[in-house]
C-alpha cells in the first residue's frame, strides 16, 4: 500500500472528491505506486455497481454483483 499521507495522495483525494471515500481507500490499498493510483482512479466506471477485479487490476462494472466473480465472459 502506498503512503496515504503523501502530498500526491492528498491532491488526488481532492481531485477525486466525487468518488466514494471507501472506493478511494480501497484503490490506495491496491495501488502499487502513486502513478498506479492515478490510473486506477481515472478509469473507474461511471456505471454502478462496480467491484474490484484482481485479473484486470481495476474497478469493473457489473450488472449483477452475485454473478460477477462466478462467471466470466472471455
N, C-alpha and C. Protein backbone atom coordinates (compact mmCIF):
# COMPACT_ATOMS: atom_id res chain seq x y z
N UNK A 1 0.84 -1.18 0.00
CA UNK A 1 0.00 0.00 0.00
C UNK A 1 0.89 1.24 0.00
N UNK A 2 0.43 2.25 -0.67
CA UNK A 2 1.19 3.50 -0.73
C UNK A 2 0.94 4.33 0.52
N UNK A 3 1.76 5.35 0.69
CA UNK A 3 1.64 6.24 1.86
C UNK A 3 0.41 7.14 1.70
N UNK A 4 -0.57 6.94 2.57
CA UNK A 4 -1.82 7.71 2.48
C UNK A 4 -1.66 9.17 2.87
N UNK A 5 -0.54 9.51 3.49
CA UNK A 5 -0.33 10.89 3.94
C UNK A 5 0.57 11.70 3.02
N UNK A 6 0.94 11.13 1.88
CA UNK A 6 1.82 11.86 0.97
C UNK A 6 1.06 13.01 0.31
N UNK A 7 1.80 14.01 -0.13
CA UNK A 7 1.18 15.17 -0.79
C UNK A 7 0.44 14.77 -2.06
N UNK A 8 1.01 13.84 -2.80
CA UNK A 8 0.38 13.41 -4.05
C UNK A 8 -0.96 12.75 -3.79
N UNK A 9 -1.03 11.89 -2.78
CA UNK A 9 -2.30 11.22 -2.44
C UNK A 9 -3.33 12.24 -1.96
N UNK A 10 -2.89 13.23 -1.20
CA UNK A 10 -3.81 14.27 -0.74
C UNK A 10 -4.37 15.07 -1.92
N UNK A 11 -3.53 15.36 -2.90
CA UNK A 11 -4.00 16.08 -4.08
C UNK A 11 -4.95 15.23 -4.91
N UNK A 12 -4.65 13.92 -5.00
CA UNK A 12 -5.57 13.02 -5.70
C UNK A 12 -6.90 12.91 -4.95
N UNK A 13 -6.83 12.91 -3.62
CA UNK A 13 -8.06 12.86 -2.82
C UNK A 13 -8.93 14.09 -3.10
N UNK A 14 -8.30 15.26 -3.22
CA UNK A 14 -9.05 16.48 -3.55
C UNK A 14 -9.62 16.42 -4.96
N UNK A 15 -8.82 15.93 -5.89
CA UNK A 15 -9.26 15.87 -7.29
C UNK A 15 -10.42 14.90 -7.49
N UNK A 16 -10.39 13.79 -6.76
CA UNK A 16 -11.42 12.76 -6.92
C UNK A 16 -12.38 12.74 -5.74
N UNK A 17 -12.76 13.91 -5.28
CA UNK A 17 -13.70 14.05 -4.16
C UNK A 17 -15.04 13.42 -4.46
N UNK A 18 -15.40 13.34 -5.72
CA UNK A 18 -16.70 12.78 -6.12
C UNK A 18 -16.75 11.26 -5.95
N UNK A 19 -15.60 10.63 -5.79
CA UNK A 19 -15.54 9.17 -5.60
C UNK A 19 -15.79 8.86 -4.13
N UNK A 20 -16.55 7.81 -3.89
CA UNK A 20 -16.86 7.42 -2.51
C UNK A 20 -15.55 7.19 -1.74
N UNK A 21 -15.45 7.65 -0.50
CA UNK A 21 -14.21 7.51 0.28
C UNK A 21 -13.73 6.06 0.44
N UNK A 22 -14.64 5.12 0.55
CA UNK A 22 -14.24 3.72 0.67
C UNK A 22 -13.60 3.21 -0.63
N UNK A 23 -14.15 3.60 -1.77
CA UNK A 23 -13.57 3.21 -3.06
C UNK A 23 -12.19 3.84 -3.20
N UNK A 24 -12.05 5.09 -2.78
CA UNK A 24 -10.74 5.74 -2.84
C UNK A 24 -9.73 5.00 -1.96
N UNK A 25 -10.15 4.68 -0.74
CA UNK A 25 -9.24 3.99 0.19
C UNK A 25 -8.85 2.61 -0.33
N UNK A 26 -9.82 1.86 -0.85
CA UNK A 26 -9.53 0.53 -1.41
C UNK A 26 -8.61 0.64 -2.62
N UNK A 27 -8.76 1.69 -3.38
CA UNK A 27 -7.87 1.93 -4.52
C UNK A 27 -6.45 2.17 -4.03
N UNK A 28 -6.32 2.92 -2.94
CA UNK A 28 -5.00 3.17 -2.36
C UNK A 28 -4.36 1.87 -1.87
N UNK A 29 -5.17 1.01 -1.29
CA UNK A 29 -4.65 -0.27 -0.79
C UNK A 29 -4.12 -1.14 -1.91
N UNK A 30 -4.74 -1.06 -3.07
CA UNK A 30 -4.36 -1.94 -4.17
C UNK A 30 -3.32 -1.33 -5.11
N UNK A 31 -3.12 -0.02 -5.02
CA UNK A 31 -2.17 0.65 -5.91
C UNK A 31 -0.74 0.30 -5.54
N UNK A 32 0.07 0.11 -6.56
CA UNK A 32 1.49 -0.22 -6.37
C UNK A 32 2.35 1.04 -6.27
N UNK A 33 1.84 2.13 -6.80
CA UNK A 33 2.56 3.41 -6.76
C UNK A 33 1.52 4.53 -6.88
N UNK A 34 1.98 5.74 -6.74
CA UNK A 34 1.07 6.88 -6.86
C UNK A 34 0.57 7.02 -8.30
N UNK A 35 1.42 6.69 -9.25
CA UNK A 35 1.02 6.73 -10.66
C UNK A 35 -0.05 5.67 -10.92
N UNK A 36 0.14 4.49 -10.35
CA UNK A 36 -0.84 3.41 -10.47
C UNK A 36 -2.17 3.84 -9.85
N UNK A 37 -2.13 4.52 -8.72
CA UNK A 37 -3.33 5.02 -8.08
C UNK A 37 -4.07 5.98 -9.02
N UNK A 38 -3.36 6.88 -9.65
CA UNK A 38 -3.97 7.80 -10.61
C UNK A 38 -4.66 7.02 -11.73
N UNK A 39 -4.00 6.03 -12.27
CA UNK A 39 -4.58 5.22 -13.36
C UNK A 39 -5.85 4.51 -12.89
N UNK A 40 -5.82 3.96 -11.68
CA UNK A 40 -6.98 3.27 -11.14
C UNK A 40 -8.15 4.23 -11.00
N UNK A 41 -7.89 5.39 -10.40
CA UNK A 41 -8.96 6.37 -10.17
C UNK A 41 -9.50 6.95 -11.46
N UNK A 42 -8.64 7.14 -12.41
CA UNK A 42 -9.04 7.73 -13.68
C UNK A 42 -9.94 6.78 -14.48
N UNK A 43 -9.82 5.49 -14.25
CA UNK A 43 -10.55 4.51 -15.05
C UNK A 43 -11.71 3.84 -14.31
N UNK A 44 -12.18 4.45 -13.23
CA UNK A 44 -13.34 3.90 -12.52
C UNK A 44 -14.57 4.09 -13.41
N UNK A 45 -15.32 3.01 -13.64
CA UNK A 45 -16.51 3.11 -14.50
C UNK A 45 -17.55 4.07 -13.91
N UNK A 46 -18.28 4.72 -14.78
CA UNK A 46 -19.34 5.64 -14.35
C UNK A 46 -20.57 4.87 -13.90
N UNK A 47 -20.84 3.73 -14.53
CA UNK A 47 -22.00 2.92 -14.19
C UNK A 47 -21.75 2.13 -12.92
N UNK A 48 -22.82 1.94 -12.15
CA UNK A 48 -22.74 1.17 -10.92
C UNK A 48 -23.62 -0.05 -11.05
N UNK A 49 -23.41 -1.11 -10.37
CA UNK A 49 -22.42 -1.37 -9.33
C UNK A 49 -21.05 -1.74 -9.92
N UNK A 50 -20.04 -1.58 -9.10
CA UNK A 50 -18.68 -1.93 -9.51
C UNK A 50 -18.08 -2.88 -8.48
N UNK A 51 -17.06 -3.62 -8.90
CA UNK A 51 -16.30 -4.46 -7.99
C UNK A 51 -14.85 -4.44 -8.44
N UNK A 52 -13.95 -4.81 -7.53
CA UNK A 52 -12.53 -4.84 -7.83
C UNK A 52 -12.19 -6.16 -8.51
N UNK A 53 -11.54 -6.09 -9.66
CA UNK A 53 -11.11 -7.28 -10.39
C UNK A 53 -9.60 -7.41 -10.25
N UNK A 54 -9.16 -8.46 -9.58
CA UNK A 54 -7.72 -8.70 -9.44
C UNK A 54 -7.08 -9.00 -10.80
N UNK A 55 -7.82 -9.68 -11.68
CA UNK A 55 -7.29 -10.01 -13.00
C UNK A 55 -7.01 -8.76 -13.83
N UNK A 56 -7.93 -7.80 -13.76
CA UNK A 56 -7.77 -6.56 -14.53
C UNK A 56 -7.03 -5.47 -13.78
N UNK A 57 -6.86 -5.66 -12.47
CA UNK A 57 -6.25 -4.64 -11.60
C UNK A 57 -6.97 -3.31 -11.77
N UNK A 58 -8.32 -3.41 -11.70
CA UNK A 58 -9.16 -2.23 -11.91
C UNK A 58 -10.55 -2.47 -11.35
N UNK A 59 -11.28 -1.36 -11.19
CA UNK A 59 -12.69 -1.44 -10.84
C UNK A 59 -13.45 -1.76 -12.12
N UNK A 60 -14.41 -2.69 -12.01
CA UNK A 60 -15.15 -3.16 -13.18
C UNK A 60 -16.64 -3.06 -12.91
N UNK A 61 -17.39 -2.61 -13.92
CA UNK A 61 -18.85 -2.55 -13.82
C UNK A 61 -19.43 -3.94 -14.04
N UNK A 62 -20.49 -4.24 -13.31
CA UNK A 62 -21.21 -5.49 -13.49
C UNK A 62 -22.70 -5.24 -13.36
N UNK A 63 -23.49 -6.04 -14.04
CA UNK A 63 -24.94 -5.94 -13.91
C UNK A 63 -25.43 -6.62 -12.65
N UNK A 64 -24.74 -7.70 -12.25
CA UNK A 64 -25.19 -8.49 -11.10
C UNK A 64 -23.99 -8.83 -10.23
N UNK A 65 -23.91 -8.23 -9.05
CA UNK A 65 -22.77 -8.46 -8.16
C UNK A 65 -22.65 -9.92 -7.73
N UNK A 66 -23.76 -10.62 -7.63
CA UNK A 66 -23.71 -12.01 -7.18
C UNK A 66 -23.04 -12.92 -8.20
N UNK A 67 -23.13 -12.56 -9.47
CA UNK A 67 -22.54 -13.38 -10.52
C UNK A 67 -21.19 -12.85 -11.00
N UNK A 68 -20.77 -11.73 -10.50
CA UNK A 68 -19.59 -11.05 -11.03
C UNK A 68 -18.33 -11.90 -10.98
N UNK A 69 -18.12 -12.63 -9.91
CA UNK A 69 -16.88 -13.40 -9.78
C UNK A 69 -17.06 -14.85 -10.19
N UNK A 70 -18.29 -15.30 -10.37
CA UNK A 70 -18.52 -16.69 -10.71
C UNK A 70 -18.47 -16.95 -12.20
N UNK A 71 -18.88 -15.98 -13.00
CA UNK A 71 -18.93 -16.15 -14.43
C UNK A 71 -18.13 -15.06 -15.12
N UNK A 72 -17.30 -15.47 -16.07
CA UNK A 72 -16.50 -14.51 -16.82
C UNK A 72 -16.76 -14.72 -18.30
N UNK A 73 -16.91 -13.64 -19.01
CA UNK A 73 -17.05 -13.72 -20.45
C UNK A 73 -15.69 -13.51 -21.07
N UNK A 74 -15.23 -14.48 -21.80
CA UNK A 74 -13.90 -14.38 -22.44
C UNK A 74 -14.02 -13.96 -23.89
